[in-house]
Amino acid sequence: MREALSVCFFSFILKSSQKVIGNPGTFKGGLLFSTLSYLGFETYQVISQAAVVHATAKVEEILEQADYLYESGETEKLYELLTQYKESEDAQLLWRLARASHDRAQLSRTSEEEKKLLVYEALEYAKRALERDELSFAAHKWYAICISDVGDYEGIKVKIANAYIIKEHFEKAIELNPKDATSIHLMGIWCYTFAEMPWYQRRIAKVLFATPPSSTYEEALGYFHRAEQVDPNFYSKNLLLLGKTYLKLNNKKLAALWLMKARDYPAHTEEDKQIQTEAAQLLTGL
């Protein structure tokens, strides 16, 4: 840009000197005008750069507030904060907004009608986040989660078809960040889901697809253990699913070990409380 302005500047001087030769006052006036224009551009650049720095600082401040609310379990406050910036083009903000919409949809006090709206809203935010940053592991992770949620409203055919897309994005998230225990855990859920797929859904899948998605409990177990290795006790549901997977594999001793950990996990969220209850029920049945 500066090179182009310099060319224009010197071209203007040349043309002015040719037209007003013998009239140095006019020439000086043109030179002064060009100089002021160039200085004006320099000032514009400085102001623009300052605006970008300010905008970046503001986004970082919003993200800091959002992460604090998330860690505090303030789901509704987090959603209210982030929806103020729903027109943002920032991928980090958008995937957090997708997560907030998803989490609000899961609240027990959310009506079924509102839940459906939130699920589709979350998918739109996740899609926009991914479009703006394809190298964001969190954008891939939340895009996969949101596609899975939408599948509950789209029917079994779409849900099975989406399974390939979901797996692809979970795998990409793990590739981009191998230390994210949540992405690894979610890949484990994908495997567990298809390992326990009911016979009628398997039949539908075989009719619709030449090679329908499939997995095993052993594969799911590998992902759940890998998630624990990356971040021990990071999530009550991972503990619960380790116990349930061992139950599926008829290993009651190890199932009891992990179910007790899930039952005794400190409850910070509604989900934690639900998991405590389920783990206790499963232990009673052993």
C-alpha atoms as a PDB file:
ATOM      1  CA  MET A   1       0.000   0.000   0.000  1.00  0.00           C
ATOM      2  CA  ARG A   2       2.814   2.416   0.893  1.00  0.00           C
ATOM      3  CA  GLU A   3       4.595   1.653  -2.410  1.00  0.00           C
ATOM      4  CA  ALA A   4       1.408   2.428  -4.379  1.00  0.00           C
ATOM      5  CA  LEU A   5       0.938   5.701  -2.525  1.00  0.00           C
ATOM      6  CA  SER A   6       4.519   6.731  -3.271  1.00  0.00           C
ATOM      7  CA  VAL A   7       3.971   6.116  -7.015  1.00  0.00           C
ATOM      8  CA  CYS A   8       0.784   8.206  -6.942  1.00  0.00           C
ATOM      9  CA  PHE A   9       2.532  10.908  -4.961  1.00  0.00           C
ATOM     10  CA  PHE A  10       5.442  11.291  -7.410  1.00  0.00           C
ATOM     11  CA  SER A  11       3.136  10.991 -10.444  1.00  0.00           C
ATOM     12  CA  PHE A  12       1.087  13.859  -9.061  1.00  0.00           C
ATOM     13  CA  ILE A  13       4.230  16.002  -8.646  1.00  0.00           C
ATOM     14  CA  LEU A  14       5.320  15.327 -12.235  1.00  0.00           C
ATOM     15  CA  LYS A  15       1.927  16.205 -13.708  1.00  0.00           C
ATOM     16  CA  SER A  16       1.646  19.314 -11.563  1.00  0.00           C
ATOM     17  CA  SER A  17       5.072  20.588 -12.607  1.00  0.00           C
ATOM     18  CA  GLN A  18       4.205  20.121 -16.286  1.00  0.00           C
ATOM     19  CA  LYS A  19       0.914  21.966 -16.012  1.00  0.00           C
ATOM     20  CA  VAL A  20       1.879  24.813 -13.733  1.00  0.00           C
ATOM     21  CA  ILE A  21       5.482  25.501 -14.742  1.00  0.00           C
ATOM     22  CA  GLY A  22       6.107  29.130 -14.120  1.00  0.00           C
ATOM     23  CA  ASN A  23       3.527  29.051 -11.323  1.00  0.00           C
ATOM     24  CA  PRO A  24       5.461  27.803  -8.302  1.00  0.00           C
ATOM     25  CA  GLY A  25       2.650  28.727  -5.920  1.00  0.00           C
ATOM     26  CA  THR A  26       0.275  26.241  -7.509  1.00  0.00           C
ATOM     27  CA  PHE A  27       2.975  23.601  -7.487  1.00  0.00           C
ATOM     28  CA  LYS A  28       3.657  24.159  -3.786  1.00  0.00           C
ATOM     29  CA  GLY A  29      -0.065  23.937  -3.065  1.00  0.00           C
ATOM     30  CA  GLY A  30      -0.314  20.577  -4.843  1.00  0.00           C
ATOM     31  CA  LEU A  31       2.737  19.271  -3.047  1.00  0.00           C
ATOM     32  CA  LEU A  32       1.345  20.361   0.308  1.00  0.00           C
ATOM     33  CA  PHE A  33      -1.997  18.672  -0.455  1.00  0.00           C
ATOM     34  CA  SER A  34      -0.290  15.379  -1.356  1.00  0.00           C
ATOM     35  CA  THR A  35       1.905  15.487   1.717  1.00  0.00           C
ATOM     36  CA  LEU A  36      -1.096  16.086   3.961  1.00  0.00           C
ATOM     37  CA  SER A  37      -2.972  13.218   2.247  1.00  0.00           C
ATOM     38  CA  TYR A  38      -0.075  10.863   2.872  1.00  0.00           C
ATOM     39  CA  LEU A  39       0.194  11.941   6.503  1.00  0.00           C
ATOM     40  CA  GLY A  40      -3.547  11.414   6.816  1.00  0.00           C
ATOM     41  CA  PHE A  41      -3.142   7.854   5.599  1.00  0.00           C
ATOM     42  CA  GLU A  42      -0.346   7.262   8.110  1.00  0.00           C
ATOM     43  CA  THR A  43      -2.615   8.521  10.893  1.00  0.00           C
ATOM     44  CA  TYR A  44      -5.436   6.240   9.648  1.00  0.00           C
ATOM     45  CA  GLN A  45      -3.080   3.250   9.784  1.00  0.00           C
ATOM     46  CA  VAL A  46      -2.072   4.005  13.365  1.00  0.00           C
ATOM     47  CA  ILE A  47      -5.707   4.403  14.435  1.00  0.00           C
ATOM     48  CA  SER A  48      -6.728   1.201  12.622  1.00  0.00           C
ATOM     49  CA  GLN A  49      -3.943  -0.787  14.266  1.00  0.00           C
ATOM     50  CA  ALA A  50      -4.927   0.582  17.668  1.00  0.00           C
ATOM     51  CA  ALA A  51      -8.548  -0.428  16.999  1.00  0.00           C
ATOM     52  CA  VAL A  52      -7.472  -3.991  16.145  1.00  0.00           C
ATOM     53  CA  VAL A  53      -5.417  -4.234  19.339  1.00  0.00           C
ATOM     54  CA  HIS A  54      -8.374  -2.912  21.350  1.00  0.00           C
ATOM     55  CA  ALA A  55     -10.781  -5.357  19.685  1.00  0.00           C
ATOM     56  CA  THR A  56      -8.405  -8.271  20.347  1.00  0.00           C
ATOM     57  CA  ALA A  57      -8.063  -7.244  23.984  1.00  0.00           C
ATOM     58  CA  LYS A  58     -11.860  -7.074  24.303  1.00  0.00           C
ATOM     59  CA  VAL A  59     -12.321 -10.564  22.822  1.00  0.00           C
ATOM     60  CA  GLU A  60      -9.713 -11.962  25.207  1.00  0.00           C
ATOM     61  CA  GLU A  61     -11.533 -10.324  28.109  1.00  0.00           C
ATOM     62  CA  ILE A  62     -14.848 -11.863  26.998  1.00  0.00           C
ATOM     63  CA  LEU A  63     -13.238 -15.301  26.637  1.00  0.00           C
ATOM     64  CA  GLU A  64     -11.749 -14.999  30.107  1.00  0.00           C
ATOM     65  CA  GLN A  65     -15.172 -14.167  31.567  1.00  0.00           C
ATOM     66  CA  ALA A  66     -16.768 -17.007  29.597  1.00  0.00           C
ATOM     67  CA  ASP A  67     -14.252 -19.573  30.821  1.00  0.00           C
ATOM     68  CA  TYR A  68     -14.741 -18.452  34.401  1.00  0.00           C
ATOM     69  CA  LEU A  69     -18.526 -18.845  34.124  1.00  0.00           C
ATOM     70  CA  TYR A  70     -18.112 -22.243  32.459  1.00  0.00           C
ATOM     71  CA  GLU A  71     -15.820 -23.529  35.205  1.00  0.00           C
ATOM     72  CA  SER A  72     -18.286 -22.184  37.784  1.00  0.00           C
ATOM     73  CA  GLY A  73     -21.184 -24.075  36.188  1.00  0.00           C
ATOM     74  CA  GLU A  74     -23.077 -20.845  35.465  1.00  0.00           C
ATOM     75  CA  THR A  75     -24.688 -22.156  32.280  1.00  0.00           C
ATOM     76  CA  GLU A  76     -27.418 -19.551  31.837  1.00  0.00           C
ATOM     77  CA  LYS A  77     -25.180 -16.583  32.705  1.00  0.00           C
ATOM     78  CA  LEU A  78     -22.597 -17.880  30.247  1.00  0.00           C
ATOM     79  CA  TYR A  79     -25.193 -18.181  27.494  1.00  0.00           C
ATOM     80  CA  GLU A  80     -26.489 -14.655  28.181  1.00  0.00           C
ATOM     81  CA  LEU A  81     -22.946 -13.262  28.055  1.00  0.00           C
ATOM     82  CA  LEU A  82     -21.952 -14.910  24.791  1.00  0.00           C
ATOM     83  CA  THR A  83     -25.186 -14.340  22.864  1.00  0.00           C
ATOM     84  CA  GLN A  84     -24.415 -10.625  23.031  1.00  0.00           C
ATOM     85  CA  TYR A  85     -21.596 -11.389  20.578  1.00  0.00           C
ATOM     86  CA  LYS A  86     -23.363 -13.912  18.348  1.00  0.00           C
ATOM     87  CA  GLU A  87     -22.474 -11.886  15.240  1.00  0.00           C
ATOM     88  CA  SER A  88     -18.774 -12.183  16.042  1.00  0.00           C
ATOM     89  CA  GLU A  89     -16.356 -13.612  13.487  1.00  0.00           C
ATOM     90  CA  ASP A  90     -14.006 -14.949  16.168  1.00  0.00           C
ATOM     91  CA  ALA A  91     -13.747 -18.758  16.102  1.00  0.00           C
ATOM     92  CA  GLN A  92     -12.778 -18.990  19.779  1.00  0.00           C
ATOM     93  CA  LEU A  93     -15.879 -17.083  20.781  1.00  0.00           C
ATOM     94  CA  LEU A  94     -18.148 -18.971  18.369  1.00  0.00           C
ATOM     95  CA  TRP A  95     -17.261 -22.492  19.528  1.00  0.00           C
ATOM     96  CA  ARG A  96     -17.788 -21.383  23.118  1.00  0.00           C
ATOM     97  CA  LEU A  97     -21.193 -20.068  22.093  1.00  0.00           C
ATOM     98  CA  ALA A  98     -21.966 -23.450  20.516  1.00  0.00           C
ATOM     99  CA  ARG A  99     -20.972 -25.119  23.790  1.00  0.00           C
ATOM    100  CA  ALA A 100     -23.088 -22.702  25.833  1.00  0.00           C
ATOM    101  CA  SER A 101     -26.137 -23.337  23.625  1.00  0.00           C
ATOM    102  CA  HIS A 102     -25.599 -27.097  23.903  1.00  0.00           C
ATOM    103  CA  ASP A 103     -25.250 -26.944  27.697  1.00  0.00           C
ATOM    104  CA  ARG A 104     -28.345 -24.796  28.100  1.00  0.00           C
ATOM    105  CA  ALA A 105     -30.312 -27.271  25.981  1.00  0.00           C
ATOM    106  CA  GLN A 106     -29.314 -30.024  28.433  1.00  0.00           C
ATOM    107  CA  LEU A 107     -30.703 -28.257  31.506  1.00  0.00           C
ATOM    108  CA  SER A 108     -33.683 -30.069  33.033  1.00  0.00           C
ATOM    109  CA  ARG A 109     -35.715 -26.844  33.190  1.00  0.00           C
ATOM    110  CA  THR A 110     -35.320 -26.220  29.448  1.00  0.00           C
ATOM    111  CA  SER A 111     -38.536 -27.024  27.580  1.00  0.00           C
ATOM    112  CA  GLU A 112     -38.478 -29.485  24.678  1.00  0.00           C
ATOM    113  CA  GLU A 113     -39.351 -26.733  22.205  1.00  0.00           C
ATOM    114  CA  GLU A 114     -36.551 -24.479  23.447  1.00  0.00           C
ATOM    115  CA  LYS A 115     -34.136 -27.403  23.556  1.00  0.00           C
ATOM    116  CA  LYS A 116     -34.657 -28.110  19.862  1.00  0.00           C
ATOM    117  CA  LEU A 117     -34.058 -24.445  18.982  1.00  0.00           C
ATOM    118  CA  LEU A 118     -30.881 -24.387  21.056  1.00  0.00           C
ATOM    119  CA  VAL A 119     -29.584 -27.591  19.454  1.00  0.00           C
ATOM    120  CA  TYR A 120     -29.891 -26.179  15.930  1.00  0.00           C
ATOM    121  CA  GLU A 121     -28.550 -22.824  17.097  1.00  0.00           C
ATOM    122  CA  ALA A 122     -25.488 -24.534  18.571  1.00  0.00           C
ATOM    123  CA  LEU A 123     -24.799 -26.318  15.281  1.00  0.00           C
ATOM    124  CA  GLU A 124     -24.867 -23.013  13.385  1.00  0.00           C
ATOM    125  CA  TYR A 125     -22.359 -21.442  15.786  1.00  0.00           C
ATOM    126  CA  ALA A 126     -20.077 -24.482  15.594  1.00  0.00           C
ATOM    127  CA  LYS A 127     -20.232 -24.476  11.798  1.00  0.00           C
ATOM    128  CA  ARG A 128     -19.261 -20.801  11.679  1.00  0.00           C
ATOM    129  CA  ALA A 129     -16.394 -21.404  14.115  1.00  0.00           C
ATOM    130  CA  LEU A 130     -15.038 -24.186  11.904  1.00  0.00           C
ATOM    131  CA  GLU A 131     -15.360 -22.072   8.755  1.00  0.00           C
ATOM    132  CA  ARG A 132     -13.256 -19.367  10.377  1.00  0.00           C
ATOM    133  CA  ASP A 133     -10.574 -21.642  11.824  1.00  0.00           C
ATOM    134  CA  GLU A 134     -10.159 -25.167  10.447  1.00  0.00           C
ATOM    135  CA  LEU A 135      -7.156 -25.707  12.725  1.00  0.00           C
ATOM    136  CA  SER A 136      -9.154 -25.216  15.930  1.00  0.00           C
ATOM    137  CA  PHE A 137      -9.470 -28.586  17.665  1.00  0.00           C
ATOM    138  CA  ALA A 138     -12.343 -27.222  19.776  1.00  0.00           C
ATOM    139  CA  ALA A 139     -14.262 -26.114  16.680  1.00  0.00           C
ATOM    140  CA  HIS A 140     -13.970 -29.650  15.236  1.00  0.00           C
ATOM    141  CA  LYS A 141     -15.002 -31.177  18.556  1.00  0.00           C
ATOM    142  CA  TRP A 142     -18.074 -28.999  19.027  1.00  0.00           C
ATOM    143  CA  TYR A 143     -19.119 -29.311  15.398  1.00  0.00           C
ATOM    144  CA  ALA A 144     -19.177 -33.089  15.871  1.00  0.00           C
ATOM    145  CA  ILE A 145     -21.086 -32.830  19.161  1.00  0.00           C
ATOM    146  CA  CYS A 146     -23.686 -30.507  17.640  1.00  0.00           C
ATOM    147  CA  ILE A 147     -24.203 -32.705  14.572  1.00  0.00           C
ATOM    148  CA  SER A 148     -24.801 -35.605  16.942  1.00  0.00           C
ATOM    149  CA  ASP A 149     -27.376 -33.586  18.894  1.00  0.00           C
ATOM    150  CA  VAL A 150     -29.235 -32.578  15.722  1.00  0.00           C
ATOM    151  CA  GLY A 151     -29.423 -36.249  14.743  1.00  0.00           C
ATOM    152  CA  ASP A 152     -31.960 -36.788  17.512  1.00  0.00           C
ATOM    153  CA  TYR A 153     -34.421 -34.688  15.482  1.00  0.00           C
ATOM    154  CA  GLU A 154     -33.503 -35.886  11.988  1.00  0.00           C
ATOM    155  CA  GLY A 155     -34.377 -39.591  12.135  1.00  0.00           C
ATOM    156  CA  ILE A 156     -32.332 -42.797  12.206  1.00  0.00           C
ATOM    157  CA  LYS A 157     -31.192 -42.596   8.567  1.00  0.00           C
ATOM    158  CA  VAL A 158     -29.634 -39.153   8.983  1.00  0.00           C
ATOM    159  CA  LYS A 159     -28.242 -40.068  12.384  1.00  0.00           C
ATOM    160  CA  ILE A 160     -26.370 -43.074  11.007  1.00  0.00           C
ATOM    161  CA  ALA A 161     -25.151 -41.102   7.974  1.00  0.00           C
ATOM    162  CA  ASN A 162     -23.881 -38.352  10.261  1.00  0.00           C
ATOM    163  CA  ALA A 163     -21.901 -40.891  12.279  1.00  0.00           C
ATOM    164  CA  TYR A 164     -19.107 -40.880   9.698  1.00  0.00           C
ATOM    165  CA  ILE A 165     -18.882 -37.067   9.823  1.00  0.00           C
ATOM    166  CA  ILE A 166     -18.899 -37.086  13.614  1.00  0.00           C
ATOM    167  CA  LYS A 167     -16.087 -39.624  13.799  1.00  0.00           C
ATOM    168  CA  GLU A 168     -14.020 -37.687  11.256  1.00  0.00           C
ATOM    169  CA  HIS A 169     -14.221 -34.468  13.290  1.00  0.00           C
ATOM    170  CA  PHE A 170     -13.499 -36.165  16.628  1.00  0.00           C
ATOM    171  CA  GLU A 171     -10.428 -37.787  15.077  1.00  0.00           C
ATOM    172  CA  LYS A 172      -9.335 -34.429  13.657  1.00  0.00           C
ATOM    173  CA  ALA A 173      -9.770 -32.793  17.073  1.00  0.00           C
ATOM    174  CA  ILE A 174      -7.563 -35.483  18.649  1.00  0.00           C
ATOM    175  CA  GLU A 175      -4.979 -35.069  15.891  1.00  0.00           C
ATOM    176  CA  LEU A 176      -4.842 -31.306  16.459  1.00  0.00           C
ATOM    177  CA  ASN A 177      -4.693 -31.665  20.247  1.00  0.00           C
ATOM    178  CA  PRO A 178      -3.755 -35.144  21.538  1.00  0.00           C
ATOM    179  CA  LYS A 179      -3.869 -33.820  25.108  1.00  0.00           C
ATOM    180  CA  ASP A 180      -7.557 -32.928  25.053  1.00  0.00           C
ATOM    181  CA  ALA A 181      -9.147 -35.616  27.196  1.00  0.00           C
ATOM    182  CA  THR A 182     -12.684 -34.610  26.220  1.00  0.00           C
ATOM    183  CA  SER A 183     -12.152 -35.284  22.499  1.00  0.00           C
ATOM    184  CA  ILE A 184     -10.688 -38.711  23.335  1.00  0.00           C
ATOM    185  CA  HIS A 185     -13.616 -39.425  25.659  1.00  0.00           C
ATOM    186  CA  LEU A 186     -16.107 -38.481  22.945  1.00  0.00           C
ATOM    187  CA  MET A 187     -14.410 -40.825  20.488  1.00  0.00           C
ATOM    188  CA  GLY A 188     -14.912 -43.498  23.145  1.00  0.00           C
ATOM    189  CA  ILE A 189     -18.624 -42.671  23.316  1.00  0.00           C
ATOM    190  CA  TRP A 190     -18.814 -42.986  19.520  1.00  0.00           C
ATOM    191  CA  CYS A 191     -17.348 -46.494  19.752  1.00  0.00           C
ATOM    192  CA  TYR A 192     -19.548 -47.460  22.714  1.00  0.00           C
ATOM    193  CA  THR A 193     -22.689 -46.251  20.911  1.00  0.00           C
ATOM    194  CA  PHE A 194     -22.054 -48.395  17.844  1.00  0.00           C
ATOM    195  CA  ALA A 195     -20.908 -51.358  19.895  1.00  0.00           C
ATOM    196  CA  GLU A 196     -24.307 -51.452  21.640  1.00  0.00           C
ATOM    197  CA  MET A 197     -26.423 -50.477  18.615  1.00  0.00           C
ATOM    198  CA  PRO A 198     -29.756 -52.388  18.740  1.00  0.00           C
ATOM    199  CA  TRP A 199     -30.261 -55.144  16.166  1.00  0.00           C
ATOM    200  CA  TYR A 200     -33.027 -53.249  14.309  1.00  0.00           C
ATOM    201  CA  GLN A 201     -30.770 -50.221  13.839  1.00  0.00           C
ATOM    202  CA  ARG A 202     -27.986 -52.486  12.553  1.00  0.00           C
ATOM    203  CA  ARG A 203     -30.423 -53.909  10.015  1.00  0.00           C
ATOM    204  CA  ILE A 204     -31.417 -50.410   8.865  1.00  0.00           C
ATOM    205  CA  ALA A 205     -27.749 -49.435   8.637  1.00  0.00           C
ATOM    206  CA  LYS A 206     -26.942 -52.455   6.475  1.00  0.00           C
ATOM    207  CA  VAL A 207     -29.799 -51.633   4.115  1.00  0.00           C
ATOM    208  CA  LEU A 208     -28.753 -47.982   3.791  1.00  0.00           C
ATOM    209  CA  PHE A 209     -24.975 -48.324   3.702  1.00  0.00           C
ATOM    210  CA  ALA A 210     -22.605 -50.824   2.138  1.00  0.00           C
ATOM    211  CA  THR A 211     -20.296 -50.506   5.164  1.00  0.00           C
ATOM    212  CA  PRO A 212     -22.320 -49.194   8.132  1.00  0.00           C
ATOM    213  CA  PRO A 213     -20.426 -47.690  11.106  1.00  0.00           C
ATOM    214  CA  SER A 214     -19.385 -50.235  13.692  1.00  0.00           C
ATOM    215  CA  SER A 215     -17.128 -50.608  16.712  1.00  0.00           C
ATOM    216  CA  THR A 216     -16.447 -52.759  19.782  1.00  0.00           C
ATOM    217  CA  TYR A 217     -16.520 -52.347  23.556  1.00  0.00           C
ATOM    218  CA  GLU A 218     -12.786 -53.045  23.611  1.00  0.00           C
ATOM    219  CA  GLU A 219     -12.169 -50.099  21.308  1.00  0.00           C
ATOM    220  CA  ALA A 220     -14.374 -47.850  23.443  1.00  0.00           C
ATOM    221  CA  LEU A 221     -12.548 -48.979  26.582  1.00  0.00           C
ATOM    222  CA  GLY A 222      -9.216 -48.043  25.002  1.00  0.00           C
ATOM    223  CA  TYR A 223     -10.372 -44.464  24.401  1.00  0.00           C
ATOM    224  CA  PHE A 224     -11.867 -44.082  27.907  1.00  0.00           C
ATOM    225  CA  HIS A 225      -8.610 -45.265  29.504  1.00  0.00           C
ATOM    226  CA  ARG A 226      -6.565 -43.039  27.203  1.00  0.00           C
ATOM    227  CA  ALA A 227      -8.666 -40.046  28.296  1.00  0.00           C
ATOM    228  CA  GLU A 228      -7.964 -40.892  31.953  1.00  0.00           C
ATOM    229  CA  GLN A 229      -4.245 -41.127  31.242  1.00  0.00           C
ATOM    230  CA  VAL A 230      -4.259 -37.686  29.641  1.00  0.00           C
ATOM    231  CA  ASP A 231      -6.266 -36.080  32.468  1.00  0.00           C
ATOM    232  CA  PRO A 232      -7.142 -38.297  35.469  1.00  0.00           C
ATOM    233  CA  ASN A 233     -10.622 -37.781  36.965  1.00  0.00           C
ATOM    234  CA  PHE A 234     -11.401 -34.985  34.509  1.00  0.00           C
ATOM    235  CA  TYR A 235     -15.024 -36.000  33.963  1.00  0.00           C
ATOM    236  CA  SER A 236     -17.504 -38.053  35.969  1.00  0.00           C
ATOM    237  CA  LYS A 237     -19.075 -39.519  32.821  1.00  0.00           C
ATOM    238  CA  ASN A 238     -15.758 -40.997  31.709  1.00  0.00           C
ATOM    239  CA  LEU A 239     -15.552 -42.842  35.038  1.00  0.00           C
ATOM    240  CA  LEU A 240     -19.151 -44.042  34.641  1.00  0.00           C
ATOM    241  CA  LEU A 241     -18.551 -45.290  31.096  1.00  0.00           C
ATOM    242  CA  LEU A 242     -15.415 -47.145  32.129  1.00  0.00           C
ATOM    243  CA  GLY A 243     -17.576 -48.970  34.662  1.00  0.00           C
ATOM    244  CA  LYS A 244     -20.383 -49.624  32.170  1.00  0.00           C
ATOM    245  CA  THR A 245     -17.975 -50.836  29.495  1.00  0.00           C
ATOM    246  CA  TYR A 246     -16.394 -53.299  31.913  1.00  0.00           C
ATOM    247  CA  LEU A 247     -19.912 -54.501  32.734  1.00  0.00           C
ATOM    248  CA  LYS A 248     -20.512 -55.118  29.015  1.00  0.00           C
ATOM    249  CA  LEU A 249     -17.281 -57.137  28.975  1.00  0.00           C
ATOM    250  CA  ASN A 250     -18.442 -59.107  32.049  1.00  0.00           C
ATOM    251  CA  ASN A 251     -15.615 -57.848  34.258  1.00  0.00           C
ATOM    252  CA  LYS A 252     -17.556 -57.031  37.437  1.00  0.00           C
ATOM    253  CA  LYS A 253     -14.499 -56.391  39.588  1.00  0.00           C
ATOM    254  CA  LEU A 254     -13.160 -53.574  37.424  1.00  0.00           C
ATOM    255  CA  ALA A 255     -16.690 -52.360  36.724  1.00  0.00           C
ATOM    256  CA  ALA A 256     -17.256 -51.904  40.467  1.00  0.00           C
ATOM    257  CA  LEU A 257     -13.944 -50.038  40.818  1.00  0.00           C
ATOM    258  CA  TRP A 258     -14.836 -47.403  38.225  1.00  0.00           C
ATOM    259  CA  LEU A 259     -18.497 -47.150  39.223  1.00  0.00           C
ATOM    260  CA  MET A 260     -17.476 -46.360  42.812  1.00  0.00           C
ATOM    261  CA  LYS A 261     -15.221 -43.591  41.488  1.00  0.00           C
ATOM    262  CA  ALA A 262     -18.144 -42.201  39.489  1.00  0.00           C
ATOM    263  CA  ARG A 263     -20.494 -42.418  42.492  1.00  0.00           C
ATOM    264  CA  ASP A 264     -18.005 -40.626  44.766  1.00  0.00           C
ATOM    265  CA  TYR A 265     -17.064 -37.938  42.238  1.00  0.00           C
ATOM    266  CA  PRO A 266     -17.807 -34.402  43.597  1.00  0.00           C
ATOM    267  CA  ALA A 267     -21.015 -33.157  41.979  1.00  0.00           C
ATOM    268  CA  HIS A 268     -20.542 -29.706  40.430  1.00  0.00           C
ATOM    269  CA  THR A 269     -23.253 -29.918  37.764  1.00  0.00           C
ATOM    270  CA  GLU A 270     -26.662 -31.476  37.187  1.00  0.00           C
ATOM    271  CA  GLU A 271     -24.979 -34.085  35.014  1.00  0.00           C
ATOM    272  CA  ASP A 272     -22.600 -35.037  37.834  1.00  0.00           C
ATOM    273  CA  LYS A 273     -25.598 -35.629  40.115  1.00  0.00           C
ATOM    274  CA  GLN A 274     -27.320 -37.782  37.488  1.00  0.00           C
ATOM    275  CA  ILE A 275     -24.140 -39.810  37.024  1.00  0.00           C
ATOM    276  CA  GLN A 276     -23.781 -40.318  40.776  1.00  0.00           C
ATOM    277  CA  THR A 277     -27.325 -41.703  40.883  1.00  0.00           C
ATOM    278  CA  GLU A 278     -26.802 -44.019  37.894  1.00  0.00           C
ATOM    279  CA  ALA A 279     -23.485 -45.303  39.245  1.00  0.00           C
ATOM    280  CA  ALA A 280     -25.077 -46.048  42.631  1.00  0.00           C
ATOM    281  CA  GLN A 281     -27.932 -47.950  40.960  1.00  0.00           C
ATOM    282  CA  LEU A 282     -25.526 -50.016  38.883  1.00  0.00           C
ATOM    283  CA  LEU A 283     -23.446 -50.849  41.962  1.00  0.00           C
ATOM    284  CA  THR A 284     -26.574 -52.018  43.775  1.00  0.00           C
ATOM    285  CA  GLY A 285     -27.260 -54.443  40.930  1.00  0.00           C
ATOM    286  CA  LEU A 286     -23.793 -56.038  41.029  1.00  0.00           C
END
